[in-house]
Amino acid sequence: MNKDVAKQITGFLTALFLFLGTINVKFEWFTLDSINAFEVVIVAAIPLVYTFYRIYQNHYGTTEKAKEQKEVLKQKGLK
């Protein structure tokens, strides 16, 4: 799934790059190589963001079920 999302984003950026080229708008930093490099960053960033979210959720118990479970564990002396 991560690669699918990255392919969608980079596909859009490639289409944007080609469109800008046809209307003669050029940016030195916006090349096919920079788009491909950005894809690598996206593929690495998606699992990183997901991991940070799960860590946050586990530590701060953002749901009611998690808060109840934390209280039960405290009462049983397991946490």
PDB file of N, CA and C in Angstrom:
ATOM      1  N   MET A   1       0.817  -1.197   0.000  1.00  0.00           N
ATOM      2  CA  MET A   1       0.000   0.000   0.000  1.00  0.00           C
ATOM      3  C   MET A   1       0.858   1.257   0.000  1.00  0.00           C
ATOM      4  N   ASN A   2       1.965   1.231   0.748  1.00  0.00           N
ATOM      5  CA  ASN A   2       2.835   2.408   0.813  1.00  0.00           C
ATOM      6  C   ASN A   2       3.354   2.798  -0.567  1.00  0.00           C
ATOM      7  N   LYS A   3       3.778   1.791  -1.315  1.00  0.00           N
ATOM      8  CA  LYS A   3       4.313   2.078  -2.647  1.00  0.00           C
ATOM      9  C   LYS A   3       3.214   2.560  -3.581  1.00  0.00           C
ATOM     10  N   ASP A   4       1.994   2.063  -3.382  1.00  0.00           N
ATOM     11  CA  ASP A   4       0.876   2.518  -4.218  1.00  0.00           C
ATOM     12  C   ASP A   4       0.605   4.001  -4.002  1.00  0.00           C
ATOM     13  N   VAL A   5       0.626   4.429  -2.747  1.00  0.00           N
ATOM     14  CA  VAL A   5       0.407   5.846  -2.438  1.00  0.00           C
ATOM     15  C   VAL A   5       1.529   6.686  -3.024  1.00  0.00           C
ATOM     16  N   ALA A   6       2.754   6.212  -2.865  1.00  0.00           N
ATOM     17  CA  ALA A   6       3.904   6.943  -3.406  1.00  0.00           C
ATOM     18  C   ALA A   6       3.828   7.024  -4.931  1.00  0.00           C
ATOM     19  N   LYS A   7       3.405   5.939  -5.578  1.00  0.00           N
ATOM     20  CA  LYS A   7       3.280   5.951  -7.041  1.00  0.00           C
ATOM     21  C   LYS A   7       2.201   6.932  -7.492  1.00  0.00           C
ATOM     22  N   GLN A   8       1.099   7.017  -6.748  1.00  0.00           N
ATOM     23  CA  GLN A   8       0.043   7.972  -7.084  1.00  0.00           C
ATOM     24  C   GLN A   8       0.562   9.406  -7.002  1.00  0.00           C
ATOM     25  N   ILE A   9       1.273   9.719  -5.924  1.00  0.00           N
ATOM     26  CA  ILE A   9       1.792  11.082  -5.733  1.00  0.00           C
ATOM     27  C   ILE A   9       2.833  11.412  -6.786  1.00  0.00           C
ATOM     28  N   THR A  10       3.780  10.490  -7.016  1.00  0.00           N
ATOM     29  CA  THR A  10       4.817  10.781  -8.003  1.00  0.00           C
ATOM     30  C   THR A  10       4.256  10.776  -9.424  1.00  0.00           C
ATOM     31  N   GLY A  11       3.233   9.985  -9.663  1.00  0.00           N
ATOM     32  CA  GLY A  11       2.567  10.037 -10.971  1.00  0.00           C
ATOM     33  C   GLY A  11       1.949  11.399 -11.213  1.00  0.00           C
ATOM     34  N   PHE A  12       1.317  11.950 -10.188  1.00  0.00           N
ATOM     35  CA  PHE A  12       0.750  13.296 -10.302  1.00  0.00           C
ATOM     36  C   PHE A  12       1.852  14.326 -10.528  1.00  0.00           C
ATOM     37  N   LEU A  13       2.951  14.210  -9.771  1.00  0.00           N
ATOM     38  CA  LEU A  13       4.050  15.167  -9.942  1.00  0.00           C
ATOM     39  C   LEU A  13       4.675  15.059 -11.331  1.00  0.00           C
ATOM     40  N   THR A  14       4.783  13.848 -11.867  1.00  0.00           N
ATOM     41  CA  THR A  14       5.316  13.673 -13.213  1.00  0.00           C
ATOM     42  C   THR A  14       4.395  14.319 -14.241  1.00  0.00           C
ATOM     43  N   ALA A  15       3.090  14.121 -14.079  1.00  0.00           N
ATOM     44  CA  ALA A  15       2.135  14.756 -14.995  1.00  0.00           C
ATOM     45  C   ALA A  15       2.224  16.278 -14.886  1.00  0.00           C
ATOM     46  N   LEU A  16       2.382  16.784 -13.677  1.00  0.00           N
ATOM     47  CA  LEU A  16       2.527  18.226 -13.474  1.00  0.00           C
ATOM     48  C   LEU A  16       3.807  18.727 -14.139  1.00  0.00           C
ATOM     49  N   PHE A  17       4.879  17.967 -13.991  1.00  0.00           N
ATOM     50  CA  PHE A  17       6.156  18.319 -14.608  1.00  0.00           C
ATOM     51  C   PHE A  17       6.010  18.405 -16.131  1.00  0.00           C
ATOM     52  N   LEU A  18       5.341  17.411 -16.719  1.00  0.00           N
ATOM     53  CA  LEU A  18       5.158  17.421 -18.168  1.00  0.00           C
ATOM     54  C   LEU A  18       4.243  18.564 -18.615  1.00  0.00           C
ATOM     55  N   PHE A  19       3.208  18.835 -17.844  1.00  0.00           N
ATOM     56  CA  PHE A  19       2.309  19.945 -18.174  1.00  0.00           C
ATOM     57  C   PHE A  19       3.054  21.276 -18.130  1.00  0.00           C
ATOM     58  N   LEU A  20       3.829  21.486 -17.076  1.00  0.00           N
ATOM     59  CA  LEU A  20       4.587  22.738 -16.973  1.00  0.00           C
ATOM     60  C   LEU A  20       5.594  22.867 -18.115  1.00  0.00           C
ATOM     61  N   GLY A  21       6.163  21.729 -18.535  1.00  0.00           N
ATOM     62  CA  GLY A  21       7.095  21.761 -19.671  1.00  0.00           C
ATOM     63  C   GLY A  21       6.415  22.173 -20.967  1.00  0.00           C
ATOM     64  N   THR A  22       5.161  21.756 -21.138  1.00  0.00           N
ATOM     65  CA  THR A  22       4.464  22.119 -22.375  1.00  0.00           C
ATOM     66  C   THR A  22       4.096  23.591 -22.424  1.00  0.00           C
ATOM     67  N   ILE A  23       3.903  24.207 -21.270  1.00  0.00           N
ATOM     68  CA  ILE A  23       3.597  25.647 -21.279  1.00  0.00           C
ATOM     69  C   ILE A  23       4.856  26.479 -21.037  1.00  0.00           C
ATOM     70  N   ASN A  24       6.021  25.801 -21.122  1.00  0.00           N
ATOM     71  CA  ASN A  24       7.325  26.450 -21.053  1.00  0.00           C
ATOM     72  C   ASN A  24       7.615  27.092 -19.695  1.00  0.00           C
ATOM     73  N   VAL A  25       7.122  26.477 -18.639  1.00  0.00           N
ATOM     74  CA  VAL A  25       7.463  26.898 -17.276  1.00  0.00           C
ATOM     75  C   VAL A  25       8.487  25.898 -16.766  1.00  0.00           C
ATOM     76  N   LYS A  26       9.648  26.390 -16.374  1.00  0.00           N
ATOM     77  CA  LYS A  26      10.720  25.497 -15.952  1.00  0.00           C
ATOM     78  C   LYS A  26      11.253  25.900 -14.590  1.00  0.00           C
ATOM     79  N   PHE A  27      11.482  24.907 -13.760  1.00  0.00           N
ATOM     80  CA  PHE A  27      12.147  25.084 -12.480  1.00  0.00           C
ATOM     81  C   PHE A  27      13.380  24.184 -12.506  1.00  0.00           C
ATOM     82  N   GLU A  28      14.510  24.713 -12.083  1.00  0.00           N
ATOM     83  CA  GLU A  28      15.738  23.928 -12.121  1.00  0.00           C
ATOM     84  C   GLU A  28      15.676  22.741 -11.162  1.00  0.00           C
ATOM     85  N   TRP A  29      15.002  22.896 -10.056  1.00  0.00           N
ATOM     86  CA  TRP A  29      14.974  21.847  -9.041  1.00  0.00           C
ATOM     87  C   TRP A  29      13.885  20.810  -9.299  1.00  0.00           C
ATOM     88  N   PHE A  30      12.935  21.101 -10.172  1.00  0.00           N
ATOM     89  CA  PHE A  30      11.804  20.209 -10.422  1.00  0.00           C
ATOM     90  C   PHE A  30      12.082  19.387 -11.671  1.00  0.00           C
ATOM     91  N   THR A  31      12.757  18.253 -11.470  1.00  0.00           N
ATOM     92  CA  THR A  31      13.122  17.379 -12.586  1.00  0.00           C
ATOM     93  C   THR A  31      12.580  15.978 -12.309  1.00  0.00           C
ATOM     94  N   LEU A  32      12.698  15.106 -13.300  1.00  0.00           N
ATOM     95  CA  LEU A  32      12.275  13.722 -13.095  1.00  0.00           C
ATOM     96  C   LEU A  32      13.117  13.035 -12.023  1.00  0.00           C
ATOM     97  N   ASP A  33      14.398  13.406 -11.925  1.00  0.00           N
ATOM     98  CA  ASP A  33      15.253  12.838 -10.878  1.00  0.00           C
ATOM     99  C   ASP A  33      14.789  13.275  -9.490  1.00  0.00           C
ATOM    100  N   SER A  34      14.394  14.551  -9.350  1.00  0.00           N
ATOM    101  CA  SER A  34      13.922  15.011  -8.040  1.00  0.00           C
ATOM    102  C   SER A  34      12.590  14.361  -7.683  1.00  0.00           C
ATOM    103  N   ILE A  35      11.755  14.099  -8.669  1.00  0.00           N
ATOM    104  CA  ILE A  35      10.482  13.417  -8.418  1.00  0.00           C
ATOM    105  C   ILE A  35      10.731  11.982  -7.961  1.00  0.00           C
ATOM    106  N   ASN A  36      11.658  11.288  -8.614  1.00  0.00           N
ATOM    107  CA  ASN A  36      11.988   9.921  -8.214  1.00  0.00           C
ATOM    108  C   ASN A  36      12.603   9.872  -6.818  1.00  0.00           C
ATOM    109  N   ALA A  37      13.426  10.853  -6.502  1.00  0.00           N
ATOM    110  CA  ALA A  37      14.000  10.920  -5.154  1.00  0.00           C
ATOM    111  C   ALA A  37      12.910  11.191  -4.120  1.00  0.00           C
ATOM    112  N   PHE A  38      11.942  12.013  -4.473  1.00  0.00           N
ATOM    113  CA  PHE A  38      10.832  12.302  -3.573  1.00  0.00           C
ATOM    114  C   PHE A  38      10.001  11.047  -3.309  1.00  0.00           C
ATOM    115  N   GLU A  39       9.878  10.194  -4.315  1.00  0.00           N
ATOM    116  CA  GLU A  39       9.152   8.935  -4.145  1.00  0.00           C
ATOM    117  C   GLU A  39       9.816   8.071  -3.067  1.00  0.00           C
ATOM    118  N   VAL A  40      11.128   8.027  -3.066  1.00  0.00           N
ATOM    119  CA  VAL A  40      11.857   7.259  -2.060  1.00  0.00           C
ATOM    120  C   VAL A  40      11.577   7.817  -0.675  1.00  0.00           C
ATOM    121  N   VAL A  41      11.539   9.129  -0.556  1.00  0.00           N
ATOM    122  CA  VAL A  41      11.256   9.768   0.727  1.00  0.00           C
ATOM    123  C   VAL A  41       9.844   9.428   1.192  1.00  0.00           C
ATOM    124  N   ILE A  42       8.884   9.454   0.273  1.00  0.00           N
ATOM    125  CA  ILE A  42       7.499   9.135   0.639  1.00  0.00           C
ATOM    126  C   ILE A  42       7.375   7.686   1.092  1.00  0.00           C
ATOM    127  N   VAL A  43       8.022   6.773   0.366  1.00  0.00           N
ATOM    128  CA  VAL A  43       7.960   5.356   0.728  1.00  0.00           C
ATOM    129  C   VAL A  43       8.548   5.143   2.128  1.00  0.00           C
ATOM    130  N   ALA A  44       9.574   5.889   2.485  1.00  0.00           N
ATOM    131  CA  ALA A  44      10.161   5.768   3.824  1.00  0.00           C
ATOM    132  C   ALA A  44       9.341   6.505   4.879  1.00  0.00           C
ATOM    133  N   ALA A  45       8.686   7.593   4.501  1.00  0.00           N
ATOM    134  CA  ALA A  45       7.974   8.419   5.473  1.00  0.00           C
ATOM    135  C   ALA A  45       6.651   7.812   5.912  1.00  0.00           C
ATOM    136  N   ILE A  46       5.964   7.109   5.040  1.00  0.00           N
ATOM    137  CA  ILE A  46       4.651   6.571   5.388  1.00  0.00           C
ATOM    138  C   ILE A  46       4.747   5.593   6.568  1.00  0.00           C
ATOM    139  N   PRO A  47       5.635   4.601   6.546  1.00  0.00           N
ATOM    140  CA  PRO A  47       5.724   3.722   7.720  1.00  0.00           C
ATOM    141  C   PRO A  47       6.222   4.451   8.969  1.00  0.00           C
ATOM    142  N   LEU A  48       7.080   5.445   8.778  1.00  0.00           N
ATOM    143  CA  LEU A  48       7.577   6.208   9.914  1.00  0.00           C
ATOM    144  C   LEU A  48       6.444   6.959  10.604  1.00  0.00           C
ATOM    145  N   VAL A  49       5.608   7.622   9.831  1.00  0.00           N
ATOM    146  CA  VAL A  49       4.476   8.351  10.393  1.00  0.00           C
ATOM    147  C   VAL A  49       3.511   7.385  11.074  1.00  0.00           C
ATOM    148  N   TYR A  50       3.260   6.244  10.454  1.00  0.00           N
ATOM    149  CA  TYR A  50       2.367   5.250  11.048  1.00  0.00           C
ATOM    150  C   TYR A  50       2.930   4.744  12.377  1.00  0.00           C
ATOM    151  N   THR A  51       4.230   4.484  12.421  1.00  0.00           N
ATOM    152  CA  THR A  51       4.858   4.018  13.649  1.00  0.00           C
ATOM    153  C   THR A  51       4.760   5.065  14.748  1.00  0.00           C
ATOM    154  N   PHE A  52       5.031   6.335  14.422  1.00  0.00           N
ATOM    155  CA  PHE A  52       4.901   7.399  15.417  1.00  0.00           C
ATOM    156  C   PHE A  52       3.478   7.509  15.934  1.00  0.00           C
ATOM    157  N   TYR A  53       2.501   7.351  15.044  1.00  0.00           N
ATOM    158  CA  TYR A  53       1.102   7.403  15.452  1.00  0.00           C
ATOM    159  C   TYR A  53       0.778   6.272  16.422  1.00  0.00           C
ATOM    160  N   ARG A  54       1.233   5.056  16.103  1.00  0.00           N
ATOM    161  CA  ARG A  54       0.957   3.918  16.977  1.00  0.00           C
ATOM    162  C   ARG A  54       1.647   4.090  18.331  1.00  0.00           C
ATOM    163  N   ILE A  55       2.861   4.607  18.345  1.00  0.00           N
ATOM    164  CA  ILE A  55       3.560   4.858  19.606  1.00  0.00           C
ATOM    165  C   ILE A  55       2.792   5.885  20.423  1.00  0.00           C
ATOM    166  N   TYR A  56       2.354   6.959  19.791  1.00  0.00           N
ATOM    167  CA  TYR A  56       1.574   7.979  20.483  1.00  0.00           C
ATOM    168  C   TYR A  56       0.285   7.386  21.043  1.00  0.00           C
ATOM    169  N   GLN A  57      -0.377   6.600  20.225  1.00  0.00           N
ATOM    170  CA  GLN A  57      -1.638   6.008  20.653  1.00  0.00           C
ATOM    171  C   GLN A  57      -1.422   5.056  21.829  1.00  0.00           C
ATOM    172  N   ASN A  58      -0.354   4.277  21.807  1.00  0.00           N
ATOM    173  CA  ASN A  58      -0.086   3.344  22.895  1.00  0.00           C
ATOM    174  C   ASN A  58       0.299   4.060  24.184  1.00  0.00           C
ATOM    175  N   HIS A  59       1.022   5.159  24.074  1.00  0.00           N
ATOM    176  CA  HIS A  59       1.477   5.854  25.282  1.00  0.00           C
ATOM    177  C   HIS A  59       0.402   6.730  25.906  1.00  0.00           C
ATOM    178  N   TYR A  60      -0.424   7.319  25.096  1.00  0.00           N
ATOM    179  CA  TYR A  60      -1.386   8.280  25.626  1.00  0.00           C
ATOM    180  C   TYR A  60      -2.819   7.776  25.602  1.00  0.00           C
ATOM    181  N   GLY A  61      -3.049   6.588  25.068  1.00  0.00           N
ATOM    182  CA  GLY A  61      -4.377   5.982  25.094  1.00  0.00           C
ATOM    183  C   GLY A  61      -5.461   6.926  24.629  1.00  0.00           C
ATOM    184  N   THR A  62      -5.487   7.201  23.357  1.00  0.00           N
ATOM    185  CA  THR A  62      -6.399   8.216  22.834  1.00  0.00           C
ATOM    186  C   THR A  62      -7.845   7.746  22.747  1.00  0.00           C
ATOM    187  N   THR A  63      -8.105   6.454  22.904  1.00  0.00           N
ATOM    188  CA  THR A  63      -9.484   5.976  22.821  1.00  0.00           C
ATOM    189  C   THR A  63      -9.991   5.639  24.221  1.00  0.00           C
ATOM    190  N   GLU A  64     -11.289   5.593  24.364  1.00  0.00           N
ATOM    191  CA  GLU A  64     -11.888   5.248  25.654  1.00  0.00           C
ATOM    192  C   GLU A  64     -11.527   3.810  26.048  1.00  0.00           C
ATOM    193  N   LYS A  65     -11.531   2.921  25.078  1.00  0.00           N
ATOM    194  CA  LYS A  65     -11.183   1.530  25.359  1.00  0.00           C
ATOM    195  C   LYS A  65      -9.765   1.427  25.903  1.00  0.00           C
ATOM    196  N   ALA A  66      -8.846   2.187  25.330  1.00  0.00           N
ATOM    197  CA  ALA A  66      -7.459   2.161  25.790  1.00  0.00           C
ATOM    198  C   ALA A  66      -7.343   2.723  27.197  1.00  0.00           C
ATOM    199  N   LYS A  67      -8.110   3.774  27.508  1.00  0.00           N
ATOM    200  CA  LYS A  67      -8.080   4.343  28.856  1.00  0.00           C
ATOM    201  C   LYS A  67      -8.630   3.362  29.884  1.00  0.00           C
ATOM    202  N   GLU A  68      -9.709   2.671  29.527  1.00  0.00           N
ATOM    203  CA  GLU A  68     -10.279   1.671  30.429  1.00  0.00           C
ATOM    204  C   GLU A  68      -9.306   0.516  30.642  1.00  0.00           C
ATOM    205  N   GLN A  69      -8.676   0.086  29.584  1.00  0.00           N
ATOM    206  CA  GLN A  69      -7.716  -1.006  29.691  1.00  0.00           C
ATOM    207  C   GLN A  69      -6.539  -0.599  30.573  1.00  0.00           C
ATOM    208  N   LYS A  70      -6.091   0.626  30.454  1.00  0.00           N
ATOM    209  CA  LYS A  70      -4.990   1.117  31.266  1.00  0.00           C
ATOM    210  C   LYS A  70      -5.376   1.116  32.743  1.00  0.00           C
ATOM    211  N   GLU A  71      -6.593   1.529  33.052  1.00  0.00           N
ATOM    212  CA  GLU A  71      -7.062   1.525  34.433  1.00  0.00           C
ATOM    213  C   GLU A  71      -7.147   0.125  34.990  1.00  0.00           C
ATOM    214  N   VAL A  72      -7.652  -0.823  34.214  1.00  0.00           N
ATOM    215  CA  VAL A  72      -7.748  -2.208  34.659  1.00  0.00           C
ATOM    216  C   VAL A  72      -6.353  -2.774  34.936  1.00  0.00           C
ATOM    217  N   LEU A  73      -5.419  -2.481  34.070  1.00  0.00           N
ATOM    218  CA  LEU A  73      -4.047  -2.964  34.272  1.00  0.00           C
ATOM    219  C   LEU A  73      -3.431  -2.355  35.520  1.00  0.00           C
ATOM    220  N   LYS A  74      -3.709  -1.090  35.789  1.00  0.00           N
ATOM    221  CA  LYS A  74      -3.201  -0.447  37.004  1.00  0.00           C
ATOM    222  C   LYS A  74      -3.796  -1.098  38.246  1.00  0.00           C
ATOM    223  N   GLN A  75      -5.105  -1.375  38.199  1.00  0.00           N
ATOM    224  CA  GLN A  75      -5.760  -1.991  39.348  1.00  0.00           C
ATOM    225  C   GLN A  75      -5.211  -3.391  39.631  1.00  0.00           C
ATOM    226  N   LYS A  76      -4.855  -4.118  38.592  1.00  0.00           N
ATOM    227  CA  LYS A  76      -4.323  -5.466  38.757  1.00  0.00           C
ATOM    228  C   LYS A  76      -2.825  -5.465  39.033  1.00  0.00           C
ATOM    229  N   GLY A  77      -2.222  -4.274  39.031  1.00  0.00           N
ATOM    230  CA  GLY A  77      -0.799  -4.163  39.305  1.00  0.00           C
ATOM    231  C   GLY A  77       0.084  -4.614  38.149  1.00  0.00           C
ATOM    232  N   LEU A  78      -0.459  -4.623  36.974  1.00  0.00           N
ATOM    233  CA  LEU A  78       0.315  -5.048  35.815  1.00  0.00           C
ATOM    234  C   LEU A  78       0.948  -3.882  35.064  1.00  0.00           C
ATOM    235  N   LYS A  79       0.633  -2.686  35.498  1.00  0.00           N
ATOM    236  CA  LYS A  79       1.221  -1.529  34.815  1.00  0.00           C
ATOM    237  C   LYS A  79       1.680  -0.526  35.826  1.00  0.00           C
TER     238      LYS A  79
END
